[in-house]
Amino acid sequence: MNDAELEHRAAEFWTDTELADAFPRNIEQAIALKLPVTIVKLPVVTIRTIARWLRRHNRSPVFPSYRRDLMGCLYADGGHGFIFVCGADDPDEQRLTLAHDIAHFLVDYWWPRLLVIDAMGSSIVHVLDGHRPARPDERASAILSRVRLGPHWHLLPRHEADPDSDPHIACVEDRADDLGRELVAPRSRVQHMLRALPRRFDPEAACRALGEFFGVPPYIFQSDVAAMHREHTPSFLEDVRRVLGR
């Protein structure tokens, strides 16, 4: 997904919500208005607490073995998504977790599902949801091969967890990071604010200011701020010329 498509998709998400111009953005309300997604806040988010909640609500999840606490989790089944968020986290972390997981829901589940249904008709829903096997003509469809059949899930570990070395997973995560960030902190708005900074500025203070404005953790702006800081920092030769008046 290139930058132009990223911006378009994120803007499309906020269409008709009347929430796009208010920062920090209320992504929880936008999700409720736009998508068949339930947000569940738990004191502690683990595989066990998520599975217990889903079983109480007539779902039968199958998750991998994972013992550490999570920041969030997406579970989607039957055209409905559930996003689990740690309610004990700071509001800015919760907003970013929601943005990241709704990006996964959209890119990896909802948009591909709508594409298949639009191309193959509503009868394919039973195949997508794992209620019947695909017929030979359906299995032959290239478009059906692009989606995962049955329940879909995604786990969001905490920052201190070991990163996954699988390059495919890293690509999927990067895509969700990019769209999630664009949903709550549009790059064009971030760049506009950075260009307004004085020539000499404190990078840490700039990250904090951006984090406070967008309502997300300051660390997500570190690379943008560092790039702008390098651009603004005069070279030794420029300093000498300024002193000499040349």
Protein backbone atom coordinates (compact mmCIF):
# COMPACT_ATOMS: atom_id res chain seq x y z
CA MET A 1 0.00 0.00 0.00
CA ASN A 2 1.68 3.21 -1.15
CA ASP A 3 1.40 6.57 0.62
CA ALA A 4 -1.41 7.84 -1.61
CA GLU A 5 -3.54 4.73 -1.07
CA LEU A 6 -2.77 4.82 2.64
CA GLU A 7 -4.06 8.38 2.92
CA HIS A 8 -7.11 7.56 0.78
CA ARG A 9 -8.04 4.49 2.82
CA ALA A 10 -7.61 6.31 6.11
CA ALA A 11 -9.67 9.29 4.93
CA GLU A 12 -12.36 6.90 3.70
CA PHE A 13 -12.57 5.36 7.17
CA TRP A 14 -13.46 8.75 8.70
CA THR A 15 -15.99 9.69 6.00
CA ASP A 16 -19.50 10.43 7.34
CA THR A 17 -18.37 10.28 10.98
CA GLU A 18 -17.86 14.04 11.49
CA LEU A 19 -14.92 13.06 13.72
CA ALA A 20 -11.94 13.54 11.41
CA ASP A 21 -11.14 17.14 12.33
CA ALA A 22 -11.14 16.70 16.13
CA PHE A 23 -7.83 15.67 17.70
CA PRO A 24 -7.17 13.42 19.47
CA ARG A 25 -9.42 11.45 17.18
CA ASN A 26 -12.14 9.35 18.78
CA ILE A 27 -11.40 6.15 16.90
CA GLU A 28 -13.51 4.08 19.29
CA GLN A 29 -16.62 6.04 18.32
CA ALA A 30 -15.73 5.88 14.62
CA ILE A 31 -15.40 2.09 14.80
CA ALA A 32 -18.85 1.85 16.40
CA LEU A 33 -20.31 4.01 13.62
CA LYS A 34 -18.62 2.32 10.67
CA LEU A 35 -17.86 -1.33 11.31
CA PRO A 36 -19.30 -4.55 12.76
CA VAL A 37 -16.70 -4.61 15.51
CA THR A 38 -17.09 -4.99 19.27
CA ILE A 39 -14.44 -3.40 21.50
CA VAL A 40 -13.78 -5.29 24.72
CA LYS A 41 -11.64 -3.77 27.47
CA LEU A 42 -10.16 -6.21 29.96
CA PRO A 43 -7.94 -5.50 33.00
CA VAL A 44 -5.37 -7.94 31.61
CA VAL A 45 -5.28 -9.18 28.01
CA THR A 46 -3.92 -12.70 27.61
CA ILE A 47 -4.77 -15.70 25.43
CA ARG A 48 -6.59 -17.19 28.42
CA THR A 49 -8.73 -14.13 29.26
CA ILE A 50 -9.64 -13.58 25.60
CA ALA A 51 -10.58 -17.23 25.01
CA ARG A 52 -12.65 -17.27 28.20
CA TRP A 53 -14.57 -14.13 27.11
CA LEU A 54 -15.20 -15.50 23.62
CA ARG A 55 -16.41 -18.87 24.91
CA ARG A 56 -18.85 -17.09 27.22
CA HIS A 57 -20.19 -15.34 24.10
CA ASN A 58 -20.65 -18.53 22.08
CA ARG A 59 -17.40 -18.45 20.12
CA SER A 60 -14.90 -21.29 19.88
CA PRO A 61 -11.52 -19.68 19.31
CA VAL A 62 -8.32 -21.59 18.62
CA PHE A 63 -5.23 -19.54 19.46
CA PRO A 64 -1.53 -20.38 19.44
CA SER A 65 0.29 -20.94 22.71
CA TYR A 66 1.43 -17.56 24.01
CA ARG A 67 2.04 -16.87 27.71
CA ARG A 68 2.88 -13.17 27.78
CA ASP A 69 0.49 -10.29 28.36
CA LEU A 70 -0.81 -8.55 25.24
CA MET A 71 -1.56 -4.94 24.42
CA GLY A 72 -4.46 -6.04 22.24
CA CYS A 73 -5.97 -8.78 20.16
CA LEU A 74 -8.21 -8.98 17.10
CA TYR A 75 -10.56 -11.91 16.59
CA ALA A 76 -12.88 -11.93 13.58
CA ASP A 77 -15.45 -14.56 12.68
CA GLY A 78 -18.70 -14.64 10.75
CA GLY A 79 -18.32 -11.09 9.47
CA HIS A 80 -17.91 -9.62 12.96
CA GLY A 81 -14.75 -8.49 14.72
CA PHE A 82 -13.78 -8.34 18.38
CA ILE A 83 -10.91 -6.12 19.47
CA PHE A 84 -9.57 -6.75 22.96
CA VAL A 85 -7.71 -3.89 24.59
CA CYS A 86 -5.98 -3.68 27.95
CA GLY A 87 -8.12 -1.21 29.88
CA ALA A 88 -5.26 -0.66 32.34
CA ASP A 89 -3.08 0.92 29.66
CA ASP A 90 -2.86 4.70 29.25
CA PRO A 91 -5.52 6.19 26.94
CA ASP A 92 -2.90 7.05 24.32
CA GLU A 93 -1.70 3.44 24.20
CA GLN A 94 -5.29 2.22 23.97
CA ARG A 95 -5.97 4.57 21.03
CA LEU A 96 -2.90 3.27 19.19
CA THR A 97 -3.79 -0.35 19.95
CA LEU A 98 -7.29 0.20 18.56
CA ALA A 99 -5.87 1.87 15.45
CA HIS A 100 -3.40 -0.96 14.86
CA ASP A 101 -5.95 -3.73 15.30
CA ILE A 102 -8.68 -2.03 13.27
CA ALA A 103 -6.08 -1.68 10.50
CA HIS A 104 -5.58 -5.45 10.67
CA PHE A 105 -9.34 -5.98 10.60
CA LEU A 106 -9.74 -3.81 7.52
CA VAL A 107 -6.74 -4.95 5.48
CA ASP A 108 -6.55 -8.61 6.41
CA TYR A 109 -10.23 -9.47 6.93
CA TRP A 110 -12.95 -6.96 6.07
CA TRP A 111 -11.81 -5.53 2.72
CA PRO A 112 -10.81 -8.93 1.26
CA ARG A 113 -14.12 -10.37 2.47
CA LEU A 114 -16.14 -7.62 0.79
CA LEU A 115 -14.12 -8.05 -2.40
CA VAL A 116 -14.85 -11.79 -2.55
CA ILE A 117 -18.56 -11.37 -1.77
CA ASP A 118 -18.87 -8.65 -4.41
CA ALA A 119 -17.16 -10.86 -7.02
CA MET A 120 -18.75 -14.21 -6.18
CA GLY A 121 -22.09 -13.42 -4.55
CA SER A 122 -23.54 -13.84 -1.08
CA SER A 123 -23.52 -17.66 -1.30
CA ILE A 124 -19.75 -17.58 -0.78
CA VAL A 125 -20.22 -16.29 2.78
CA HIS A 126 -20.74 -19.85 4.08
CA VAL A 127 -17.36 -20.79 2.61
CA LEU A 128 -15.63 -17.73 4.03
CA ASP A 129 -17.01 -18.51 7.49
CA GLY A 130 -16.01 -22.16 7.31
CA HIS A 131 -19.56 -23.55 7.34
CA ARG A 132 -19.13 -25.54 4.12
CA PRO A 133 -16.21 -26.47 1.86
CA ALA A 134 -15.67 -24.61 -1.36
CA ARG A 135 -17.04 -26.26 -4.50
CA PRO A 136 -14.54 -27.10 -7.27
CA ASP A 137 -15.52 -24.01 -9.28
CA GLU A 138 -15.13 -21.85 -6.17
CA ARG A 139 -11.76 -23.37 -5.31
CA ALA A 140 -10.61 -22.55 -8.83
CA SER A 141 -11.33 -18.87 -8.31
CA ALA A 142 -8.15 -16.86 -7.90
CA ILE A 143 -9.97 -14.27 -5.86
CA LEU A 144 -11.01 -16.84 -3.24
CA SER A 145 -7.40 -17.92 -2.84
CA ARG A 146 -6.52 -14.47 -1.50
CA VAL A 147 -8.52 -14.78 1.73
CA ARG A 148 -8.18 -16.87 4.84
CA LEU A 149 -11.22 -19.05 5.41
CA GLY A 150 -12.80 -19.35 8.84
CA PRO A 151 -11.93 -17.30 11.93
CA HIS A 152 -9.16 -14.72 11.72
CA TRP A 153 -7.04 -13.56 14.65
CA HIS A 154 -4.10 -11.30 15.38
CA LEU A 155 -2.15 -10.84 18.62
CA LEU A 156 -0.44 -7.58 19.55
CA PRO A 157 2.39 -8.31 22.02
CA ARG A 158 3.81 -5.68 24.31
CA HIS A 159 6.84 -3.69 23.13
CA GLU A 160 9.32 -5.65 25.25
CA ALA A 161 8.31 -8.94 23.58
CA ASP A 162 10.79 -10.49 21.17
CA PRO A 163 10.10 -9.32 17.61
CA ASP A 164 9.00 -11.96 15.13
CA SER A 165 11.71 -12.80 12.63
CA ASP A 166 9.29 -14.01 9.93
CA PRO A 167 9.62 -11.47 7.06
CA HIS A 168 6.02 -12.07 5.93
CA ILE A 169 4.68 -11.34 9.40
CA ALA A 170 6.93 -8.29 9.63
CA CYS A 171 5.49 -7.00 6.35
CA VAL A 172 1.92 -7.52 7.57
CA GLU A 173 2.73 -5.77 10.84
CA ASP A 174 4.40 -2.84 9.10
CA ARG A 175 1.32 -2.40 6.93
CA ALA A 176 -0.97 -2.38 9.97
CA ASP A 177 1.37 0.04 11.75
CA ASP A 178 1.32 2.42 8.78
CA LEU A 179 -2.45 2.39 8.34
CA GLY A 180 -3.10 2.48 12.08
CA ARG A 181 -0.91 5.50 12.50
CA GLU A 182 -2.48 7.24 9.48
CA LEU A 183 -5.92 6.73 11.05
CA VAL A 184 -5.04 8.62 14.24
CA ALA A 185 -2.06 10.77 13.22
CA PRO A 186 -2.25 11.64 9.50
CA ARG A 187 1.21 11.99 8.03
CA SER A 188 0.34 15.20 6.19
CA ARG A 189 -0.78 16.81 9.45
CA VAL A 190 2.34 15.59 11.25
CA GLN A 191 4.61 16.96 8.53
CA HIS A 192 2.77 20.30 8.57
CA MET A 193 3.37 20.61 12.32
CA LEU A 194 7.02 19.60 11.97
CA ARG A 195 7.65 22.19 9.25
CA ALA A 196 6.34 24.86 11.61
CA LEU A 197 9.02 24.08 14.22
CA PRO A 198 11.83 26.61 14.76
CA ARG A 199 15.17 25.90 13.09
CA ARG A 200 16.61 24.65 16.37
CA PHE A 201 14.24 22.50 18.43
CA ASP A 202 14.37 19.79 21.08
CA PRO A 203 13.48 16.43 19.45
CA GLU A 204 12.14 14.92 22.67
CA ALA A 205 9.92 17.95 23.30
CA ALA A 206 8.67 17.78 19.70
CA CYS A 207 7.73 14.10 20.13
CA ARG A 208 5.90 14.88 23.35
CA ALA A 209 4.00 17.77 21.75
CA LEU A 210 2.93 15.60 18.81
CA GLY A 211 1.93 12.79 21.13
CA GLU A 212 -0.20 15.14 23.22
CA PHE A 213 -1.90 16.66 20.17
CA PHE A 214 -2.76 13.34 18.50
CA GLY A 215 -3.35 11.44 21.72
CA VAL A 216 -0.86 8.65 20.99
CA PRO A 217 2.50 7.60 22.48
CA PRO A 218 5.29 10.04 21.57
CA TYR A 219 7.64 7.27 20.45
CA ILE A 220 5.76 6.73 17.18
CA PHE A 221 7.03 10.13 15.95
CA GLN A 222 10.72 9.53 16.66
CA SER A 223 11.74 8.77 13.07
CA ASP A 224 9.81 11.76 11.64
CA VAL A 225 11.22 14.12 14.24
CA ALA A 226 14.76 12.78 13.78
CA ALA A 227 14.53 13.32 10.02
CA MET A 228 13.30 16.88 10.49
CA HIS A 229 15.99 17.54 13.11
CA ARG A 230 18.72 16.44 10.70
CA GLU A 231 17.23 18.69 8.04
CA HIS A 232 17.10 21.66 10.41
CA THR A 233 20.53 21.17 11.98
CA PRO A 234 23.03 23.43 10.21
CA SER A 235 26.36 21.98 9.17
CA PHE A 236 29.67 23.21 10.63
CA LEU A 237 30.36 25.11 7.41
CA GLU A 238 26.98 26.87 7.62
CA ASP A 239 27.73 27.89 11.21
CA VAL A 240 31.13 29.30 10.20
CA ARG A 241 29.59 31.25 7.31
CA ARG A 242 26.93 32.67 9.60
CA VAL A 243 29.56 33.81 12.11
CA LEU A 244 31.64 35.40 9.31
CA GLY A 245 28.58 37.04 7.82
CA ARG A 246 28.93 35.31 4.47
